[in-house]
């Protein structure tokens, strides 16, 4: 059995007021496909700034979107294979 490794990079940035955190999750698959998901976390203006919470929320949301994209692509691939077999 072949072992595989996929690496996801997450880039996180905050605006100047620490009110909006943006996370970009990027994955390059071995077959050449590249996936990129962007997500945000917004701080309530009445809350004190805690950058770690924004980082966690934005990164988690970006990873959740990335997971959904991978599952969607796998479903499309399965449907294509099923259609090819039916011919």
Protein backbone atom coordinates (compact mmCIF):
# COMPACT_ATOMS: atom_id res chain seq x y z
CA UNK A 1 0.00 0.00 0.00
CA UNK A 2 1.27 3.45 -0.89
CA UNK A 3 1.50 6.08 1.84
CA UNK A 4 0.59 9.59 0.81
CA UNK A 5 0.99 12.94 2.43
CA UNK A 6 -0.92 16.11 1.64
CA UNK A 7 0.10 19.35 3.26
CA UNK A 8 -2.27 22.20 3.95
CA UNK A 9 -0.91 25.68 4.48
CA UNK A 10 -2.96 28.20 6.43
CA UNK A 11 -2.22 31.89 6.11
CA UNK A 12 -3.80 34.19 8.71
CA UNK A 13 -4.04 37.96 8.67
CA UNK A 14 -5.82 40.54 10.78
CA UNK A 15 -7.00 44.01 9.90
CA UNK A 16 -5.51 47.06 11.64
CA UNK A 17 -8.27 47.20 14.28
CA UNK A 18 -8.11 43.45 15.09
CA UNK A 19 -11.79 43.31 14.12
CA UNK A 20 -11.57 40.93 11.15
CA UNK A 21 -9.33 37.89 10.82
CA UNK A 22 -8.91 36.25 7.43
CA UNK A 23 -7.59 32.73 6.95
CA UNK A 24 -6.63 31.17 3.63
CA UNK A 25 -6.20 27.40 3.54
CA UNK A 26 -4.30 26.02 0.54
CA UNK A 27 -3.77 22.42 -0.52
CA UNK A 28 -1.89 21.20 -3.57
CA UNK A 29 -2.78 17.61 -4.36
CA UNK A 30 -0.31 15.27 -6.05
CA UNK A 31 -2.46 15.14 -9.19
CA UNK A 32 -1.90 18.85 -9.73
CA UNK A 33 -5.22 20.05 -8.39
CA UNK A 34 -4.99 23.05 -6.11
CA UNK A 35 -7.61 23.96 -3.54
CA UNK A 36 -7.92 27.32 -1.83
CA UNK A 37 -10.50 28.35 0.74
CA UNK A 38 -10.85 31.74 2.38
CA UNK A 39 -12.84 32.42 5.54
CA UNK A 40 -13.26 35.25 8.01
CA UNK A 41 -13.94 35.81 11.69
CA UNK A 42 -15.31 39.12 12.90
CA UNK A 43 -14.96 40.42 16.43
CA UNK A 44 -17.93 42.03 18.09
CA UNK A 45 -16.93 45.68 18.65
CA UNK A 46 -17.89 45.41 22.34
CA UNK A 47 -15.53 42.44 22.91
CA UNK A 48 -11.89 42.88 23.80
CA UNK A 49 -9.40 41.75 21.13
CA UNK A 50 -8.25 38.14 21.56
CA UNK A 51 -6.44 37.36 18.29
CA UNK A 52 -6.16 33.62 19.02
CA UNK A 53 -9.95 33.25 18.96
CA UNK A 54 -10.20 34.96 15.57
CA UNK A 55 -7.36 32.79 14.28
CA UNK A 56 -9.09 29.61 15.42
CA UNK A 57 -12.47 30.58 14.01
CA UNK A 58 -11.18 31.77 10.65
CA UNK A 59 -8.82 28.80 10.22
CA UNK A 60 -11.53 26.33 11.25
CA UNK A 61 -13.97 27.85 8.79
CA UNK A 62 -11.40 27.79 5.97
CA UNK A 63 -10.60 24.14 6.71
CA UNK A 64 -14.31 23.24 6.81
CA UNK A 65 -14.78 24.85 3.39
CA UNK A 66 -11.69 23.05 2.08
CA UNK A 67 -13.10 19.73 3.34
CA UNK A 68 -16.42 20.42 1.61
CA UNK A 69 -14.61 21.13 -1.68
CA UNK A 70 -12.64 17.88 -1.44
CA UNK A 71 -15.80 15.88 -0.74
CA UNK A 72 -17.58 17.57 -3.65
CA UNK A 73 -14.73 16.78 -6.04
CA UNK A 74 -14.67 13.16 -4.86
CA UNK A 75 -18.42 12.87 -5.51
CA UNK A 76 -17.95 14.25 -9.04
CA UNK A 77 -15.11 11.78 -9.67
CA UNK A 78 -17.24 8.86 -8.44
CA UNK A 79 -20.15 9.94 -10.66
CA UNK A 80 -17.82 10.16 -13.69
CA UNK A 81 -16.48 6.69 -13.05
CA UNK A 82 -19.97 5.28 -12.65
CA UNK A 83 -21.06 6.90 -15.91
CA UNK A 84 -18.00 5.51 -17.72
CA UNK A 85 -18.77 1.99 -16.45
CA UNK A 86 -22.37 2.25 -17.64
CA UNK A 87 -21.31 2.85 -21.24
